[in-house]
């Protein structure tokens, strides 16, 4: 089950979308859910600039702010307690996600150019400092 499905509160209040400032600082990732035609149509309709799947480095978790920071942090916050039902877990997921300070997302996005450069210097391989 995907917590980020369109039938639920998909883009949390303080996720990456609000950080887009008109530049290509809102990277799309190569996951199918991020490269589907409706996603590009939505981004275009809202005049949000993005990197297309052809511009994105494939299989590079160090590059994706969600893989580099958010997913691990979010999962660690959720793992701090036990859930008795899906509804409780989803409620906690929304609360935990909303509680992540925006500055933590901004820091992950700010470090993005350095991570891309490090991967480039490593000729596409893992960048050991990240």
C-alpha atoms as a PDB file:
ATOM      1  CA  UNK A   1       0.000   0.000   0.000  1.00  0.00           C
ATOM      2  CA  UNK A   2       1.311   3.406  -0.920  1.00  0.00           C
ATOM      3  CA  UNK A   3       0.890   6.152   1.667  1.00  0.00           C
ATOM      4  CA  UNK A   4       1.263   8.707  -1.086  1.00  0.00           C
ATOM      5  CA  UNK A   5      -1.672   7.688  -3.251  1.00  0.00           C
ATOM      6  CA  UNK A   6      -3.969  10.254  -4.883  1.00  0.00           C
ATOM      7  CA  UNK A   7      -6.942   8.942  -2.911  1.00  0.00           C
ATOM      8  CA  UNK A   8      -5.350  10.151   0.329  1.00  0.00           C
ATOM      9  CA  UNK A   9      -3.613  13.293   1.492  1.00  0.00           C
ATOM     10  CA  UNK A  10      -0.737  12.762  -0.891  1.00  0.00           C
ATOM     11  CA  UNK A  11       1.425  15.819  -0.846  1.00  0.00           C
ATOM     12  CA  UNK A  12       1.820  16.674   2.832  1.00  0.00           C
ATOM     13  CA  UNK A  13       1.599  20.295   3.902  1.00  0.00           C
ATOM     14  CA  UNK A  14       5.324  20.744   4.321  1.00  0.00           C
ATOM     15  CA  UNK A  15       6.648  18.444   1.605  1.00  0.00           C
ATOM     16  CA  UNK A  16       8.892  19.384  -1.291  1.00  0.00           C
ATOM     17  CA  UNK A  17       6.256  20.967  -3.534  1.00  0.00           C
ATOM     18  CA  UNK A  18       5.917  24.172  -1.478  1.00  0.00           C
ATOM     19  CA  UNK A  19       9.682  24.599  -1.661  1.00  0.00           C
ATOM     20  CA  UNK A  20       9.659  24.966  -5.430  1.00  0.00           C
ATOM     21  CA  UNK A  21      10.598  28.516  -6.242  1.00  0.00           C
ATOM     22  CA  UNK A  22      10.232  28.579  -9.993  1.00  0.00           C
ATOM     23  CA  UNK A  23      13.688  27.170 -10.729  1.00  0.00           C
ATOM     24  CA  UNK A  24      14.470  23.553 -11.384  1.00  0.00           C
ATOM     25  CA  UNK A  25      14.688  22.929  -7.665  1.00  0.00           C
ATOM     26  CA  UNK A  26      11.767  20.544  -7.634  1.00  0.00           C
ATOM     27  CA  UNK A  27      13.342  17.434  -9.055  1.00  0.00           C
ATOM     28  CA  UNK A  28      11.129  14.702 -10.393  1.00  0.00           C
ATOM     29  CA  UNK A  29      12.472  11.271  -9.723  1.00  0.00           C
ATOM     30  CA  UNK A  30      12.633   8.370 -12.116  1.00  0.00           C
ATOM     31  CA  UNK A  31      10.021   6.354 -10.214  1.00  0.00           C
ATOM     32  CA  UNK A  32       7.016   5.589 -12.406  1.00  0.00           C
ATOM     33  CA  UNK A  33       4.698   7.407 -10.016  1.00  0.00           C
ATOM     34  CA  UNK A  34       6.715  10.587 -10.603  1.00  0.00           C
ATOM     35  CA  UNK A  35       7.052  10.254 -14.374  1.00  0.00           C
ATOM     36  CA  UNK A  36       3.450   9.478 -15.259  1.00  0.00           C
ATOM     37  CA  UNK A  37       1.861  11.797 -17.797  1.00  0.00           C
ATOM     38  CA  UNK A  38      -0.713  13.182 -15.278  1.00  0.00           C
ATOM     39  CA  UNK A  39       2.143  14.211 -12.958  1.00  0.00           C
ATOM     40  CA  UNK A  40       3.869  16.200 -15.712  1.00  0.00           C
ATOM     41  CA  UNK A  41       0.517  17.706 -16.734  1.00  0.00           C
ATOM     42  CA  UNK A  42      -0.154  18.791 -13.138  1.00  0.00           C
ATOM     43  CA  UNK A  43       3.318  20.322 -12.762  1.00  0.00           C
ATOM     44  CA  UNK A  44       2.943  22.123 -16.106  1.00  0.00           C
ATOM     45  CA  UNK A  45      -0.542  23.392 -15.190  1.00  0.00           C
ATOM     46  CA  UNK A  46       0.838  24.801 -11.927  1.00  0.00           C
ATOM     47  CA  UNK A  47       3.868  26.277 -13.724  1.00  0.00           C
ATOM     48  CA  UNK A  48       6.306  24.276 -11.597  1.00  0.00           C
ATOM     49  CA  UNK A  49       9.638  23.670 -13.283  1.00  0.00           C
ATOM     50  CA  UNK A  50      11.112  20.206 -12.924  1.00  0.00           C
ATOM     51  CA  UNK A  51      13.680  17.789 -14.251  1.00  0.00           C
ATOM     52  CA  UNK A  52      12.208  15.200 -16.593  1.00  0.00           C
ATOM     53  CA  UNK A  53      13.000  11.511 -16.234  1.00  0.00           C
ATOM     54  CA  UNK A  54      15.465  11.852 -19.113  1.00  0.00           C
ATOM     55  CA  UNK A  55      17.341  14.608 -17.248  1.00  0.00           C
ATOM     56  CA  UNK A  56      17.402  12.687 -13.963  1.00  0.00           C
ATOM     57  CA  UNK A  57      20.253  10.392 -12.917  1.00  0.00           C
ATOM     58  CA  UNK A  58      18.901   6.859 -12.867  1.00  0.00           C
ATOM     59  CA  UNK A  59      19.259   4.630  -9.806  1.00  0.00           C
ATOM     60  CA  UNK A  60      20.893   7.307  -7.686  1.00  0.00           C
ATOM     61  CA  UNK A  61      19.346   7.427  -4.206  1.00  0.00           C
ATOM     62  CA  UNK A  62      21.956   9.982  -3.114  1.00  0.00           C
ATOM     63  CA  UNK A  63      20.458  12.413  -5.620  1.00  0.00           C
ATOM     64  CA  UNK A  64      16.808  12.134  -4.662  1.00  0.00           C
ATOM     65  CA  UNK A  65      15.987  14.328  -1.643  1.00  0.00           C
ATOM     66  CA  UNK A  66      13.210  11.897  -0.778  1.00  0.00           C
ATOM     67  CA  UNK A  67      15.571   8.902  -0.786  1.00  0.00           C
ATOM     68  CA  UNK A  68      18.509  10.822   0.662  1.00  0.00           C
ATOM     69  CA  UNK A  69      16.612  12.338   3.571  1.00  0.00           C
ATOM     70  CA  UNK A  70      12.854  12.227   3.837  1.00  0.00           C
ATOM     71  CA  UNK A  71      11.972   8.546   3.493  1.00  0.00           C
ATOM     72  CA  UNK A  72      14.512   7.353   6.051  1.00  0.00           C
ATOM     73  CA  UNK A  73      13.727  10.099   8.540  1.00  0.00           C
ATOM     74  CA  UNK A  74       9.977   9.645   8.119  1.00  0.00           C
ATOM     75  CA  UNK A  75      10.180   5.863   8.550  1.00  0.00           C
ATOM     76  CA  UNK A  76      12.342   6.242  11.652  1.00  0.00           C
ATOM     77  CA  UNK A  77       9.726   8.550  13.174  1.00  0.00           C
ATOM     78  CA  UNK A  78       6.920   6.090  12.379  1.00  0.00           C
ATOM     79  CA  UNK A  79       8.882   3.159  13.815  1.00  0.00           C
ATOM     80  CA  UNK A  80       8.944   4.741  17.272  1.00  0.00           C
ATOM     81  CA  UNK A  81       5.547   3.261  18.110  1.00  0.00           C
ATOM     82  CA  UNK A  82       3.327   0.285  17.364  1.00  0.00           C
ATOM     83  CA  UNK A  83       0.063   0.613  15.470  1.00  0.00           C
ATOM     84  CA  UNK A  84      -3.031  -1.495  16.022  1.00  0.00           C
ATOM     85  CA  UNK A  85      -4.773  -0.668  12.759  1.00  0.00           C
ATOM     86  CA  UNK A  86      -4.161   0.962   9.397  1.00  0.00           C
ATOM     87  CA  UNK A  87      -6.246   4.019  10.311  1.00  0.00           C
ATOM     88  CA  UNK A  88      -4.018   4.730  13.345  1.00  0.00           C
ATOM     89  CA  UNK A  89      -0.880   4.327  11.263  1.00  0.00           C
ATOM     90  CA  UNK A  90      -2.169   6.635   8.524  1.00  0.00           C
ATOM     91  CA  UNK A  91      -3.205   9.246  11.099  1.00  0.00           C
ATOM     92  CA  UNK A  92       0.223   9.048  12.738  1.00  0.00           C
ATOM     93  CA  UNK A  93       1.893   9.196   9.314  1.00  0.00           C
ATOM     94  CA  UNK A  94       0.152  12.473   8.493  1.00  0.00           C
ATOM     95  CA  UNK A  95       1.000  13.915  11.919  1.00  0.00           C
ATOM     96  CA  UNK A  96       4.650  12.806  11.755  1.00  0.00           C
ATOM     97  CA  UNK A  97       5.064  14.099   8.198  1.00  0.00           C
ATOM     98  CA  UNK A  98       3.531  17.467   9.075  1.00  0.00           C
ATOM     99  CA  UNK A  99       5.871  17.710  12.080  1.00  0.00           C
ATOM    100  CA  UNK A 100       9.038  17.483   9.967  1.00  0.00           C
ATOM    101  CA  UNK A 101      10.515  20.997   9.961  1.00  0.00           C
ATOM    102  CA  UNK A 102      10.585  22.610   6.514  1.00  0.00           C
ATOM    103  CA  UNK A 103      14.203  23.519   7.110  1.00  0.00           C
ATOM    104  CA  UNK A 104      15.136  19.826   7.034  1.00  0.00           C
ATOM    105  CA  UNK A 105      13.652  19.544   3.535  1.00  0.00           C
ATOM    106  CA  UNK A 106      15.350  22.764   2.481  1.00  0.00           C
ATOM    107  CA  UNK A 107      18.708  21.450   3.695  1.00  0.00           C
ATOM    108  CA  UNK A 108      18.249  18.256   1.668  1.00  0.00           C
ATOM    109  CA  UNK A 109      17.372  20.328  -1.394  1.00  0.00           C
ATOM    110  CA  UNK A 110      20.281  22.738  -0.834  1.00  0.00           C
ATOM    111  CA  UNK A 111      22.748  19.861  -0.676  1.00  0.00           C
ATOM    112  CA  UNK A 112      21.393  18.420  -3.926  1.00  0.00           C
ATOM    113  CA  UNK A 113      23.836  20.197  -6.316  1.00  0.00           C
ATOM    114  CA  UNK A 114      26.800  19.005  -4.232  1.00  0.00           C
ATOM    115  CA  UNK A 115      25.511  15.420  -4.312  1.00  0.00           C
ATOM    116  CA  UNK A 116      25.067  15.554  -8.099  1.00  0.00           C
ATOM    117  CA  UNK A 117      28.601  16.936  -8.502  1.00  0.00           C
ATOM    118  CA  UNK A 118      30.011  14.221  -6.228  1.00  0.00           C
ATOM    119  CA  UNK A 119      28.288  11.515  -8.291  1.00  0.00           C
ATOM    120  CA  UNK A 120      29.591  13.135 -11.478  1.00  0.00           C
ATOM    121  CA  UNK A 121      33.136  13.156 -10.068  1.00  0.00           C
ATOM    122  CA  UNK A 122      32.683   9.488  -9.123  1.00  0.00           C
ATOM    123  CA  UNK A 123      31.769   8.827 -12.782  1.00  0.00           C
ATOM    124  CA  UNK A 124      28.205   7.903 -11.888  1.00  0.00           C
ATOM    125  CA  UNK A 125      29.094   5.611  -9.023  1.00  0.00           C
ATOM    126  CA  UNK A 126      28.200   5.938  -5.346  1.00  0.00           C
ATOM    127  CA  UNK A 127      29.479   9.146  -3.767  1.00  0.00           C
ATOM    128  CA  UNK A 128      31.103   7.956  -0.515  1.00  0.00           C
ATOM    129  CA  UNK A 129      30.637  11.244   1.372  1.00  0.00           C
ATOM    130  CA  UNK A 130      26.850  11.029   1.097  1.00  0.00           C
END
